[in-house]
Protein backbone atom coordinates (compact mmCIF):
# COMPACT_ATOMS: atom_id res chain seq x y z
CA MET A 1 114.83 107.50 99.58
CA SER A 2 112.59 104.94 101.28
CA ALA A 3 110.02 106.04 103.86
CA MET A 4 111.31 103.34 106.24
CA LEU A 5 112.27 104.68 109.66
CA THR A 6 115.39 103.80 111.63
CA GLU A 7 115.49 103.83 115.42
CA PRO A 8 118.07 106.23 116.86
CA LYS A 9 120.86 104.36 118.65
CA THR A 10 121.42 107.16 121.15
CA VAL A 11 118.73 106.99 123.82
CA ASN A 12 117.96 110.50 125.01
CA SER A 13 114.92 112.76 125.25
CA ALA A 14 115.76 114.46 121.96
CA ASN A 15 115.42 111.15 120.15
CA TYR A 16 112.71 109.57 122.27
CA LYS A 17 110.05 112.01 123.44
CA LEU A 18 108.52 109.99 126.32
CA LEU A 19 111.76 109.25 128.16
CA PRO A 20 111.24 112.07 130.69
CA GLY A 21 107.92 110.51 131.75
CA LYS A 22 109.60 107.38 133.14
CA LYS A 23 106.47 105.33 132.39
CA PHE A 24 108.22 102.27 130.97
CA TYR A 25 110.76 99.55 131.65
CA THR A 26 114.18 99.74 130.01
CA THR A 27 114.27 96.01 129.22
CA ARG A 28 111.90 93.27 128.04
CA SER A 29 111.10 90.08 129.89
CA LYS A 30 109.75 88.38 126.74
CA LYS A 31 110.34 88.46 123.02
CA VAL A 32 108.14 90.56 120.76
CA LYS A 33 105.29 88.49 119.35
CA ALA A 34 102.96 91.13 117.91
CA ALA A 35 102.39 94.81 117.13
CA VAL A 36 99.43 96.45 118.84
CA VAL A 37 97.43 99.03 116.88
CA HIS A 38 96.05 101.95 118.92
CA VAL A 39 94.29 105.24 118.36
CA THR A 40 94.82 108.13 120.73
CA ALA A 41 91.14 108.95 121.36
CA GLY A 42 92.44 112.48 121.77
CA LEU A 43 93.80 114.96 119.25
CA GLN A 44 93.48 114.87 115.47
CA ASP A 45 93.81 117.40 112.64
CA LEU A 46 91.14 116.84 109.98
CA GLY A 47 91.79 120.20 108.35
CA MET A 48 95.38 119.36 107.42
CA VAL A 49 96.28 123.03 107.13
CA GLY A 50 99.84 123.80 108.16
CA THR A 51 101.64 121.52 110.57
CA ASP A 52 99.75 118.69 112.26
CA GLU A 53 100.64 118.93 115.95
CA SER A 54 98.31 116.20 117.17
CA ALA A 55 101.05 113.61 117.73
CA GLU A 56 103.27 116.14 119.47
CA GLY A 57 100.32 117.34 121.57
CA THR A 58 99.45 113.83 122.66
CA ASN A 59 103.03 113.22 123.76
CA LYS A 60 102.98 116.43 125.81
CA TRP A 61 99.74 115.29 127.42
CA ALA A 62 101.30 111.92 128.30
CA LEU A 63 104.30 113.61 129.91
CA GLY A 64 102.16 116.02 131.92
CA SER A 65 99.33 113.74 133.02
CA GLY A 66 99.22 111.26 135.85
CA VAL A 67 98.12 108.48 133.54
CA GLU A 68 100.67 105.66 133.49
CA ALA A 69 100.76 105.07 129.75
CA SER A 70 103.41 105.16 127.06
CA TRP A 71 103.99 103.91 123.51
CA HIS A 72 106.90 103.33 121.19
CA ARG A 73 105.82 105.69 118.41
CA ILE A 74 102.94 107.97 117.50
CA ALA A 75 101.73 108.97 114.02
CA ASP A 76 99.56 111.75 112.60
CA THR A 77 98.96 113.14 109.11
CA ASP A 78 102.40 114.65 108.60
CA GLY A 79 104.84 112.45 110.46
CA VAL A 80 105.93 110.07 113.18
CA GLU A 81 107.41 110.85 116.59
CA SER A 82 109.72 108.33 118.25
CA CYS A 83 108.68 107.95 121.86
CA LEU A 84 110.56 104.96 123.30
CA PRO A 85 113.09 102.47 121.91
CA SER A 86 111.38 99.30 120.72
CA TRP A 87 113.58 97.25 123.06
CA TYR A 88 112.02 99.08 126.01
CA THR A 89 108.73 97.86 127.47
CA ALA A 90 106.11 100.55 126.92
CA TRP A 91 102.94 100.60 129.00
CA GLN A 92 100.47 100.39 126.13
CA ALA A 93 98.62 97.06 126.36
CA LYS A 94 98.10 95.84 129.90
CA GLY A 95 99.03 92.19 130.28
CA TYR A 96 100.86 92.17 126.94
CA ASN A 97 103.37 94.99 127.29
CA SER A 98 106.44 92.80 127.49
CA SER A 99 105.62 90.84 124.32
CA THR A 100 104.40 93.60 121.99
CA VAL A 101 105.36 96.92 120.43
CA GLY A 102 102.71 99.62 120.31
CA VAL A 103 102.04 102.66 118.14
CA GLU A 104 99.42 105.34 118.72
CA ILE A 105 97.56 106.86 115.75
CA SER A 106 95.98 110.31 116.06
CA ASN A 107 92.25 109.67 115.84
CA VAL A 108 89.63 110.99 118.23
CA ASP A 109 86.86 108.40 117.99
CA ALA A 110 88.24 105.22 116.37
CA ARG A 111 86.08 105.97 113.32
CA TRP A 112 87.58 105.80 109.84
CA ASP A 113 84.51 105.76 107.61
CA ASN A 114 83.49 109.32 108.48
CA LYS A 115 86.85 111.02 107.85
CA PRO A 116 88.14 112.78 104.70
CA LYS A 117 89.85 110.31 102.36
CA ASN A 118 92.99 112.43 102.17
CA TRP A 119 93.22 112.51 105.97
CA VAL A 120 92.80 108.74 106.15
CA LYS A 121 95.44 108.21 103.46
CA TRP A 122 98.15 110.29 105.11
CA THR A 123 97.34 109.17 108.66
CA LEU A 124 97.55 105.53 107.61
CA TRP A 125 100.71 106.15 105.60
CA HIS A 126 102.58 107.57 108.57
CA ALA A 127 101.15 104.88 110.84
CA ALA A 128 102.51 102.30 108.39
CA ARG A 129 105.89 104.03 108.49
CA ALA A 130 105.81 103.76 112.28
CA TYR A 131 105.30 100.00 112.10
CA ALA A 132 107.26 98.94 108.99
CA ASP A 133 110.75 98.63 110.47
CA TYR A 134 109.32 96.89 113.55
CA ALA A 135 107.75 94.30 111.22
CA VAL A 136 111.16 93.72 109.65
CA LYS A 137 113.20 93.82 112.85
CA TYR A 138 110.95 91.50 114.86
CA LYS A 139 109.73 89.38 111.90
CA ILE A 140 106.12 90.30 112.58
CA PRO A 141 103.81 88.94 109.85
CA ILE A 142 101.81 91.62 108.06
CA ARG A 143 98.44 90.19 108.98
CA ARG A 144 95.72 90.70 111.57
CA ALA A 145 96.13 88.42 114.57
CA THR A 146 93.78 87.29 117.32
CA LYS A 147 94.24 87.31 121.07
CA ALA A 148 94.19 83.49 121.09
CA GLU A 149 97.03 83.38 118.57
CA LEU A 150 99.07 85.83 120.61
CA ASP A 151 98.40 83.91 123.83
CA ARG A 152 99.59 80.65 122.25
CA ALA A 153 102.73 82.30 120.85
CA ILE A 154 103.60 83.74 124.26
CA ALA A 155 102.94 80.47 126.09
CA SER A 156 104.99 78.39 123.64
CA ASN A 157 107.58 81.06 122.80
CA GLY A 158 106.44 80.63 119.24
CA SER A 159 106.90 82.89 116.26
CA PRO A 160 105.39 86.39 116.10
CA VAL A 161 101.76 86.32 114.99
CA GLY A 162 101.02 89.71 113.41
CA PHE A 163 99.19 92.95 114.12
CA ILE A 164 96.44 93.02 116.71
CA ASP A 165 93.69 95.47 117.67
CA HIS A 166 94.07 96.99 121.11
CA SER A 167 90.37 96.16 121.57
CA ARG A 168 91.15 92.45 121.22
CA LEU A 169 93.47 92.64 124.22
CA SER A 170 91.48 95.06 126.39
CA THR A 171 87.70 94.70 126.52
CA ASN A 172 87.25 98.34 127.60
CA ARG A 173 88.88 99.64 124.41
CA SER A 174 87.52 99.98 120.86
CA ASP A 175 90.65 100.95 118.96
CA PRO A 176 91.69 101.04 116.23
CA GLY A 177 87.99 100.80 115.33
CA LYS A 178 85.56 98.57 113.47
CA THR A 179 86.10 100.52 110.24
CA PHE A 180 89.88 100.63 110.43
CA PRO A 181 91.09 100.06 106.82
CA TRP A 182 93.35 97.08 107.40
CA THR A 183 93.87 96.28 103.72
CA GLN A 184 95.04 99.80 102.94
CA PHE A 185 97.19 99.89 106.06
CA PHE A 186 98.91 96.58 105.30
CA GLY A 187 99.38 97.63 101.70
CA TYR A 188 101.27 100.72 102.84
CA ILE A 189 103.49 98.69 105.19
CA LYS A 190 104.41 96.29 102.39
CA ALA A 191 105.05 99.18 100.00
CA ILE A 192 107.33 100.95 102.49
CA ILE A 193 109.32 97.77 103.12
CA ALA A 194 109.68 97.46 99.34
CA GLY A 195 111.08 101.00 99.13
CA ALA A 196 108.06 103.24 98.48
CA THR A 197 108.46 106.92 99.32
CA SER A 198 104.82 108.03 99.11
CA PRO A 199 101.31 106.58 99.44
CA ASP A 200 100.62 107.81 95.89
CA PRO A 201 101.77 105.52 93.08
CA PRO A 202 104.54 107.04 90.98
CA VAL A 203 103.39 108.84 87.88
CA LYS A 204 104.92 107.18 84.88
CA PRO A 205 105.72 109.40 81.91
CA PRO A 206 103.66 108.57 78.85
CA VAL A 207 105.38 106.12 76.58
CA THR A 208 105.49 107.18 72.97
CA PRO A 209 105.46 104.03 70.89
CA ALA A 210 108.21 103.74 68.35
CA PRO A 211 106.90 104.47 64.91
CA THR A 212 106.19 101.36 62.92
CA ARG A 213 106.07 101.06 59.18
CA LYS A 214 103.20 98.95 58.00
CA ALA A 215 102.00 98.07 54.54
CA VAL A 216 98.88 99.97 53.56
CA PRO A 217 96.10 97.71 52.23
CA GLY A 218 95.68 98.34 48.54
CA MET A 219 99.02 100.13 48.28
CA LEU A 220 99.89 100.87 44.67
CA PHE A 221 103.21 101.75 43.11
CA TYR A 222 103.10 103.99 40.04
CA GLN A 223 105.88 104.80 37.62
CA ILE A 224 105.39 107.43 34.93
CA THR A 225 108.21 107.42 32.37
CA GLY A 226 108.63 107.65 28.62
CA ASN A 227 108.68 103.88 28.37
CA SER A 228 105.76 101.55 28.62
CA ASN A 229 105.85 98.22 30.53
CA THR A 230 109.23 99.02 32.10
CA THR A 231 110.81 97.56 35.21
CA VAL A 232 112.19 99.99 37.79
CA ASN A 233 115.86 99.02 37.91
CA ALA A 234 118.22 101.98 37.83
CA ALA A 235 116.31 105.02 38.99
CA VAL A 236 116.47 107.04 42.19
CA ILE A 237 113.40 108.38 43.95
CA VAL A 238 113.15 111.49 46.12
CA SER A 239 109.92 112.46 47.78
CA ASP A 240 107.95 115.55 48.62
CA GLY A 241 104.98 114.00 50.32
CA PHE A 242 103.29 111.24 48.34
CA GLN A 243 104.60 112.58 45.04
CA MET A 244 107.91 111.09 43.98
CA ARG A 245 110.30 111.91 41.15
CA TRP A 246 113.28 110.20 39.52
CA VAL A 247 116.78 111.50 40.12
CA SER A 248 120.16 110.08 39.30
CA SER A 249 122.01 109.28 42.57
CA SER A 250 122.52 105.55 42.93
CA ALA A 251 123.21 105.91 46.70
CA ALA A 252 119.88 107.59 47.27
CA TRP A 253 118.16 104.87 45.24
CA ALA A 254 119.43 102.19 47.64
CA ASN A 255 117.75 103.90 50.60
CA ILE A 256 114.46 104.61 48.87
CA LYS A 257 114.41 101.12 47.42
CA ALA A 258 114.56 99.69 50.94
CA SER A 259 111.83 102.09 52.05
CA VAL A 260 109.55 101.12 49.19
CA LYS A 261 110.13 97.43 49.91
CA ASP A 262 109.32 98.00 53.62
CA GLN A 263 106.01 99.63 52.69
CA ILE A 264 104.76 97.39 49.90
CA GLY A 265 106.43 94.13 50.83
CA LYS A 266 108.16 93.68 47.48
CA ASP A 267 111.40 94.76 45.90
CA PRO A 268 110.48 97.68 43.62
CA THR A 269 112.87 96.46 40.91
CA THR A 270 110.49 93.56 40.29
CA ILE A 271 107.34 95.64 39.88
CA LYS A 272 106.18 96.42 36.35
CA VAL A 273 104.09 99.53 35.80
CA LYS A 274 102.77 101.39 32.77
CA SER A 275 102.45 105.02 31.82
CA LEU A 276 101.04 106.75 28.79
CA ASP A 277 102.39 110.32 28.80
CA GLY A 278 106.18 110.06 29.31
CA LEU A 279 106.47 112.39 32.33
CA GLY A 280 109.22 111.61 34.86
CA LEU A 281 107.12 111.23 38.02
CA VAL A 282 106.54 108.47 40.56
CA TRP A 283 103.63 108.15 42.99
CA LEU A 284 103.94 105.91 46.01
CA GLY A 285 100.74 105.59 48.01
CA PRO A 286 97.02 104.89 47.66
CA LEU A 287 95.05 105.81 44.60
CA PRO A 288 95.09 109.60 44.05
CA VAL A 289 92.47 111.45 46.06
CA ALA A 290 91.72 115.10 46.67
CA GLY A 291 94.73 116.57 48.41
CA TYR A 292 97.18 114.16 46.80
CA PRO A 293 96.36 114.47 43.10
CA ILE A 294 98.54 113.38 40.23
CA PRO A 295 99.12 116.53 38.17
CA LYS A 296 96.49 117.33 35.59
CA GLY A 297 97.15 115.91 32.15
CA VAL A 298 99.05 112.91 33.45
CA LYS A 299 97.50 109.63 32.50
CA VAL A 300 98.46 106.62 34.61
CA GLU A 301 97.84 102.93 34.29
CA ALA A 302 98.35 101.49 37.80
CA VAL A 303 99.81 98.08 38.49
CA THR A 304 99.16 96.50 41.92
CA PRO A 305 102.37 95.20 43.56
């Protein structure tokens, strides 16, 4: 299941946590041209032990304080809270409220370079989840925009311009911060839109390559029979390791013949070999070495295929 969020159609305080505060307008006077990126400058949970209540706590503060501020969503390390419908005008970027959507991210000081990497990863992931469906719904480009670009888009009723720092719209603000990891953030948004379910790349099971049969350099084929200078043409070979012996089943010979040809690159019925002692043995493999010896007393004259 994708991590993409869907806005609840039923507008009530169970679905949208800041409705009771009445710090918003229920309509928009302009079309959405950008997404504003905020940090709360309030609660955060660096420890990440148990449930992160920083988003929920910030919403409670907003409802109980006299500050006239609101936002569409808020994100922390373990989730996203829906606060207002995106078609409502939240009071989150003075002068630009009617033409933007805004999300708060739980971060006390707008610093990102001094926080644990795991905290940054999960905070950004849920922040990206909070923005992803807005980017799709309002066709907001996944790029960082300037105030001048937003101003031109509003004046000309042009296309949405992208994501913009709150600090670029309000000179008394510093969020989301000079070290905000935009590349990582945008990467998560794109991944979520593409169907990702986690900030961690999926672990792919190791692929076991299919066994391949390759000719061994210097491979030799030995036949030891009672005849000298014979051609292998009607025998059957069965194997116990590298040592082979002749048997009489013609069906088995067809299979082993194909196997021998696969390994040495030639049809074994065309290979002439010599033996001197008349024992019914065959050796298929490299020259005998310790561990794969031809039995004592057997004399072999090898012929290279």
